[in-house]
N, C-alpha and C. Protein backbone atom coordinates (compact mmCIF):
# COMPACT_ATOMS: atom_id res chain seq x y z
N MET A 1 1.04 -1.24 -0.20
CA MET A 1 -0.03 -0.06 0.00
C MET A 1 0.69 1.23 0.02
N GLY A 2 2.04 0.98 0.12
CA GLY A 2 2.95 2.47 0.29
C GLY A 2 3.27 3.25 -1.08
N ALA A 3 3.18 2.12 -1.95
CA ALA A 3 3.55 2.65 -3.46
C ALA A 3 2.17 3.15 -3.91
N LYS A 4 1.04 2.83 -3.73
CA LYS A 4 -0.11 3.52 -4.10
C LYS A 4 -0.39 4.76 -3.20
N ASN A 5 0.20 4.82 -2.00
CA ASN A 5 0.00 6.25 -1.29
C ASN A 5 0.87 7.17 -2.00
N ALA A 6 2.07 6.80 -2.29
CA ALA A 6 3.26 7.57 -2.82
C ALA A 6 2.66 8.30 -3.88
N LEU A 7 2.17 7.29 -4.95
CA LEU A 7 1.40 7.74 -6.44
C LEU A 7 0.64 8.59 -6.32
N ALA A 8 -0.33 8.21 -5.38
CA ALA A 8 -1.63 9.21 -5.17
C ALA A 8 -1.15 10.55 -4.87
N SER A 9 -0.04 10.72 -3.93
CA SER A 9 0.52 11.82 -3.55
C SER A 9 1.07 12.83 -4.44
N LEU A 10 1.90 11.99 -5.21
CA LEU A 10 2.79 12.42 -6.44
C LEU A 10 1.28 13.01 -7.55
N VAL A 11 0.66 12.19 -7.64
CA VAL A 11 -0.54 12.97 -8.55
C VAL A 11 -1.43 13.76 -8.35
N GLY A 12 -1.70 13.89 -6.98
CA GLY A 12 -2.49 15.14 -6.12
C GLY A 12 -1.31 16.28 -6.42
N LEU A 13 -0.13 16.35 -6.16
CA LEU A 13 0.80 17.61 -6.23
C LEU A 13 0.91 17.91 -7.21
N LEU A 14 1.03 16.85 -8.39
CA LEU A 14 0.99 17.38 -9.47
C LEU A 14 -0.35 18.36 -10.12
N GLN A 15 -1.53 17.74 -9.88
CA GLN A 15 -2.80 18.46 -10.00
C GLN A 15 -2.48 20.01 -9.44
N ILE A 16 -2.24 19.80 -8.03
CA ILE A 16 -1.82 20.80 -7.44
C ILE A 16 -1.15 22.09 -7.99
N PHE A 17 -0.35 21.42 -8.61
CA PHE A 17 0.93 22.48 -9.19
C PHE A 17 0.20 23.10 -10.44
N ILE A 18 -0.36 22.18 -11.44
CA ILE A 18 -1.23 22.93 -12.51
C ILE A 18 -2.07 23.65 -12.38
N GLY A 19 -2.87 23.51 -11.19
CA GLY A 19 -4.14 24.58 -10.86
C GLY A 19 -3.50 25.73 -10.47
N VAL A 20 -2.29 25.76 -9.52
CA VAL A 20 -1.36 27.13 -9.32
C VAL A 20 -1.11 27.64 -10.50
N SER A 21 -0.22 26.69 -11.44
CA SER A 21 0.32 27.49 -12.61
C SER A 21 -0.92 28.06 -13.39
N ALA A 22 -2.04 27.40 -13.82
CA ALA A 22 -3.01 27.91 -14.38
C ALA A 22 -3.63 29.32 -13.63
N ILE A 23 -3.83 29.45 -12.36
CA ILE A 23 -4.05 30.67 -11.86
C ILE A 23 -2.73 31.87 -11.97
N VAL A 24 -1.51 31.54 -11.91
CA VAL A 24 -0.64 32.30 -12.08
C VAL A 24 -0.47 32.64 -13.80
N PHE A 25 -0.92 31.95 -14.42
CA PHE A 25 -0.86 32.34 -15.87
C PHE A 25 -2.08 33.11 -16.05
N ALA A 26 -3.09 32.70 -15.47
CA ALA A 26 -4.26 33.94 -15.77
C ALA A 26 -4.16 35.10 -15.35
N TYR A 27 -3.56 35.09 -14.09
CA TYR A 27 -2.79 36.53 -13.65
C TYR A 27 -2.09 37.21 -14.47
N LEU A 28 -1.03 36.59 -15.31
CA LEU A 28 -0.21 37.43 -15.66
C LEU A 28 -1.20 37.70 -17.38
N LEU A 29 -1.88 36.80 -17.80
CA LEU A 29 -2.53 37.31 -18.65
C LEU A 29 -3.37 38.42 -18.55
N HIS A 30 -3.97 38.64 -17.70
CA HIS A 30 -5.23 39.57 -17.43
C HIS A 30 -4.50 40.71 -16.69
N TYR A 31 -4.08 40.63 -15.44
CA TYR A 31 -3.59 41.88 -14.66
C TYR A 31 -1.87 42.38 -14.96
N ASN A 32 -1.22 42.02 -15.62
CA ASN A 32 0.05 42.53 -16.00
C ASN A 32 0.42 41.89 -17.39
N PRO A 33 -0.07 42.31 -18.51
CA PRO A 33 0.49 42.04 -19.86
C PRO A 33 1.62 42.40 -20.31
N SER A 34 2.35 43.47 -19.65
CA SER A 34 3.61 43.79 -20.09
C SER A 34 4.63 42.76 -19.54
N TYR A 35 4.29 41.40 -18.87
CA TYR A 35 5.52 40.85 -18.49
C TYR A 35 5.48 39.70 -19.10
N LEU A 36 6.58 39.68 -19.84
CA LEU A 36 6.96 38.46 -21.05
C LEU A 36 6.15 38.80 -22.02
N GLU A 37 5.83 39.69 -22.16
CA GLU A 37 4.70 40.01 -23.64
C GLU A 37 3.68 38.64 -23.66
N VAL A 38 3.11 38.27 -22.52
CA VAL A 38 2.50 37.12 -22.92
C VAL A 38 1.17 37.28 -23.92
N ARG A 39 0.47 38.35 -23.88
CA ARG A 39 -0.40 38.49 -24.65
C ARG A 39 0.02 38.52 -26.39
N THR A 40 1.13 39.23 -26.58
CA THR A 40 1.58 39.36 -27.89
C THR A 40 2.25 37.92 -28.27
N LEU A 41 2.88 37.10 -27.52
CA LEU A 41 3.34 35.60 -28.29
C LEU A 41 2.41 35.00 -28.16
N LEU A 42 1.30 34.99 -27.71
CA LEU A 42 0.33 34.06 -27.71
C LEU A 42 -0.95 34.95 -28.93
N GLY A 43 -0.69 36.10 -29.31
CA GLY A 43 -1.57 36.55 -30.16
C GLY A 43 -3.12 36.67 -29.78
N LEU A 44 -3.19 37.14 -28.49
CA LEU A 44 -4.56 37.21 -27.93
C LEU A 44 -5.37 38.63 -28.32
N ARG A 45 -6.26 38.97 -28.46
CA ARG A 45 -6.69 40.05 -28.53
C ARG A 45 -7.18 40.72 -27.45
N GLU A 46 -7.46 41.74 -26.94
CA GLU A 46 -8.23 42.30 -25.85
C GLU A 46 -9.48 42.13 -25.50
N GLU A 47 -10.28 41.45 -26.50
CA GLU A 47 -11.80 41.03 -26.28
C GLU A 47 -11.57 39.66 -25.58
N TYR A 48 -10.88 38.88 -25.60
CA TYR A 48 -10.74 37.42 -25.42
C TYR A 48 -10.12 37.50 -24.05
N VAL A 49 -9.02 38.40 -23.46
CA VAL A 49 -8.45 38.06 -22.13
C VAL A 49 -9.48 38.05 -20.98
N ALA A 50 -10.42 38.54 -20.87
CA ALA A 50 -11.25 38.46 -19.79
C ALA A 50 -12.07 36.63 -19.97
N PHE A 51 -12.00 35.97 -21.04
CA PHE A 51 -12.66 34.99 -21.14
C PHE A 51 -11.80 33.98 -20.81
N PHE A 52 -10.60 34.11 -21.42
CA PHE A 52 -9.24 33.01 -20.94
C PHE A 52 -9.06 33.48 -19.25
N PHE A 53 -9.24 34.55 -18.79
CA PHE A 53 -9.04 34.67 -17.48
C PHE A 53 -9.79 33.71 -16.79
N LEU A 54 -11.20 33.95 -17.11
CA LEU A 54 -12.36 33.23 -16.34
C LEU A 54 -12.13 31.51 -16.45
N VAL A 55 -11.79 31.26 -17.52
CA VAL A 55 -11.16 29.69 -18.15
C VAL A 55 -10.31 29.18 -17.14
N LEU A 56 -9.15 29.75 -17.13
CA LEU A 56 -8.14 29.54 -16.69
C LEU A 56 -8.39 29.29 -14.96
N GLY A 57 -8.75 30.47 -14.78
CA GLY A 57 -9.30 30.45 -13.02
C GLY A 57 -10.25 29.44 -12.92
N VAL A 58 -10.96 29.02 -13.33
CA VAL A 58 -12.05 27.92 -12.99
C VAL A 58 -11.01 26.48 -13.54
N ILE A 59 -10.36 26.24 -14.54
CA ILE A 59 -9.69 25.25 -14.48
C ILE A 59 -8.44 25.05 -13.13
N GLY A 60 -8.22 26.09 -12.89
CA GLY A 60 -6.97 26.21 -11.68
C GLY A 60 -7.88 25.72 -10.46
N PHE A 61 -9.12 26.18 -10.34
CA PHE A 61 -9.56 26.27 -8.86
C PHE A 61 -10.02 24.53 -8.90
N PHE A 62 -10.69 24.01 -9.63
CA PHE A 62 -11.07 22.63 -9.75
C PHE A 62 -9.73 21.64 -9.98
N SER A 63 -8.57 22.03 -10.38
CA SER A 63 -7.52 21.31 -10.23
C SER A 63 -6.98 21.13 -9.06
N ILE A 64 -6.96 22.23 -8.08
CA ILE A 64 -6.37 22.32 -7.05
C ILE A 64 -7.48 21.47 -6.03
N ILE A 65 -8.40 21.83 -6.25
CA ILE A 65 -9.49 20.98 -5.19
C ILE A 65 -9.35 19.58 -5.55
N SER A 66 -9.17 19.17 -6.93
CA SER A 66 -9.10 17.62 -7.16
C SER A 66 -7.93 17.14 -6.57
N GLY A 67 -6.90 17.90 -6.72
CA GLY A 67 -5.24 17.32 -6.29
C GLY A 67 -5.55 17.12 -4.76
N ILE A 68 -6.33 18.26 -3.95
CA ILE A 68 -6.54 18.20 -2.37
C ILE A 68 -7.23 16.60 -2.12
N LEU A 69 -8.27 16.60 -2.88
CA LEU A 69 -9.15 15.29 -2.56
C LEU A 69 -8.50 13.92 -2.74
N VAL A 70 -7.58 14.12 -3.98
CA VAL A 70 -6.98 12.88 -4.30
C VAL A 70 -6.12 12.57 -3.09
N ILE A 71 -5.13 13.66 -2.59
CA ILE A 71 -4.16 13.23 -1.84
C ILE A 71 -5.16 13.11 -0.24
N TYR A 72 -6.24 13.41 0.07
CA TYR A 72 -6.99 13.20 1.16
C TYR A 72 -7.20 11.63 1.27
N GLU A 73 -7.95 11.28 -0.22
CA GLU A 73 -8.68 10.06 -0.10
C GLU A 73 -7.78 9.09 0.19
N TRP A 74 -6.52 8.93 -0.55
CA TRP A 74 -5.72 7.92 -0.68
C TRP A 74 -4.60 8.15 0.68
N SER A 75 -4.73 9.15 1.26
CA SER A 75 -3.50 8.84 2.22
C SER A 75 -4.27 8.74 3.78
N PHE A 76 -5.64 9.61 4.09
CA PHE A 76 -6.14 9.53 5.14
C PHE A 76 -7.36 8.68 5.15
N ALA A 77 -8.11 8.68 4.43
CA ALA A 77 -9.43 7.99 3.87
C ALA A 77 -9.20 6.32 4.25
N ARG A 78 -8.25 5.87 3.43
CA ARG A 78 -7.66 4.38 3.62
C ARG A 78 -7.35 3.99 4.63
N LYS A 79 -6.93 4.68 5.75
CA LYS A 79 -6.42 4.38 6.84
C LYS A 79 -7.56 3.67 7.81
N VAL A 80 -8.64 4.29 7.70
CA VAL A 80 -9.80 3.99 8.54
C VAL A 80 -10.34 2.63 7.96
N SER A 81 -10.51 1.34 9.07
CA SER A 81 -11.04 0.23 8.47
C SER A 81 -12.64 0.17 8.69
N TYR A 82 -13.16 -0.36 7.89
CA TYR A 82 -14.75 -0.54 7.77
C TYR A 82 -15.21 -1.84 8.07
N GLU A 83 -14.74 -2.19 9.77
CA GLU A 83 -15.34 -3.44 10.04
C GLU A 83 -16.45 -3.38 10.37
């Protein structure tokens, strides 16, 4: 069972990292457009920035929640025996 817990923790941490990265990228795209010329590199028009901010924020939020739940389910809930 140790390998399953380690793998679940790795997958959960990866999901949390992806979620945080999506939220940071959404911030850079919306609030700080001159940082690394993100809008110019991606070729985004001004009208679509709010939509991408919303989509990346929602994806990031759900990815973080999913990662936390994966870690909780495999690390803590499996220790309880239902006898």
